């Protein structure tokens, strides 16, 4: 059974990924460095930033903590 998401979900996922990427680069981290800091597999981080996958809540917690942000700030 296909799991097609509505366009608004796909768009929101991409926006979240772009926001995470921007915050990471503003903090001066490469994707590889950030993956190590957050203990998230680099490929997983890459997929999150590209908007290809929905991040797990635990991943969002790690990302927010590494950026000294609240989770809600990731989606702003």
Protein backbone atom coordinates (compact mmCIF):
# COMPACT_ATOMS: atom_id res chain seq x y z
CA UNK A 1 0.00 0.00 0.00
CA UNK A 2 1.61 3.30 -1.04
CA UNK A 3 2.09 5.95 1.60
CA UNK A 4 1.62 9.09 -0.44
CA UNK A 5 1.75 12.24 1.62
CA UNK A 6 -0.20 15.36 0.76
CA UNK A 7 1.82 18.18 -0.79
CA UNK A 8 1.63 20.31 2.36
CA UNK A 9 3.38 17.58 4.38
CA UNK A 10 6.12 17.22 1.77
CA UNK A 11 6.56 21.01 1.67
CA UNK A 12 6.71 21.27 5.46
CA UNK A 13 9.26 18.44 5.66
CA UNK A 14 11.47 20.26 3.13
CA UNK A 15 11.13 23.54 5.06
CA UNK A 16 12.14 21.82 8.28
CA UNK A 17 15.14 20.19 6.60
CA UNK A 18 16.25 23.49 5.10
CA UNK A 19 15.91 25.22 8.48
CA UNK A 20 18.01 22.54 10.17
CA UNK A 21 20.65 22.79 7.44
CA UNK A 22 20.76 26.59 7.74
CA UNK A 23 21.11 26.46 11.52
CA UNK A 24 23.83 23.82 11.25
CA UNK A 25 25.84 25.78 8.70
CA UNK A 26 25.35 29.02 10.65
CA UNK A 27 26.85 27.20 13.63
CA UNK A 28 29.85 26.34 11.44
CA UNK A 29 29.40 22.57 11.33
CA UNK A 30 29.79 20.31 8.35
CA UNK A 31 27.23 17.56 7.98
CA UNK A 32 29.83 15.02 9.05
CA UNK A 33 30.78 17.00 12.17
CA UNK A 34 27.15 17.55 13.09
CA UNK A 35 26.34 13.88 12.63
CA UNK A 36 29.11 13.05 15.09
CA UNK A 37 27.99 15.72 17.58
CA UNK A 38 24.37 14.54 17.50
CA UNK A 39 25.13 10.80 17.22
CA UNK A 40 22.89 10.67 14.16
CA UNK A 41 24.07 8.72 11.13
CA UNK A 42 25.33 11.14 8.47
CA UNK A 43 23.07 9.62 5.80
CA UNK A 44 20.07 10.02 8.12
CA UNK A 45 20.99 13.65 8.73
CA UNK A 46 21.42 14.14 4.99
CA UNK A 47 17.93 12.74 4.34
CA UNK A 48 16.40 14.94 7.06
CA UNK A 49 18.03 18.07 5.65
CA UNK A 50 16.95 17.17 2.12
CA UNK A 51 13.36 16.70 3.29
CA UNK A 52 13.40 13.07 2.20
CA UNK A 53 12.40 11.60 5.55
CA UNK A 54 10.46 12.49 8.65
CA UNK A 55 12.88 12.91 11.54
CA UNK A 56 12.29 10.89 14.67
CA UNK A 57 11.48 12.83 17.81
CA UNK A 58 14.76 11.69 19.36
CA UNK A 59 16.65 13.08 16.38
CA UNK A 60 14.89 16.42 16.74
CA UNK A 61 15.83 16.49 20.43
CA UNK A 62 19.49 15.84 19.61
CA UNK A 63 19.56 18.40 16.80
CA UNK A 64 17.91 21.08 18.93
CA UNK A 65 20.26 20.41 21.85
CA UNK A 66 23.34 20.57 19.62
CA UNK A 67 22.14 23.92 18.28
CA UNK A 68 21.19 25.23 21.74
CA UNK A 69 17.60 25.67 20.58
CA UNK A 70 14.17 24.47 21.57
CA UNK A 71 12.58 21.96 19.19
CA UNK A 72 9.96 24.55 18.30
CA UNK A 73 12.73 26.86 16.98
CA UNK A 74 13.64 24.29 14.36
CA UNK A 75 10.35 24.84 12.57
CA UNK A 76 10.32 28.63 12.65
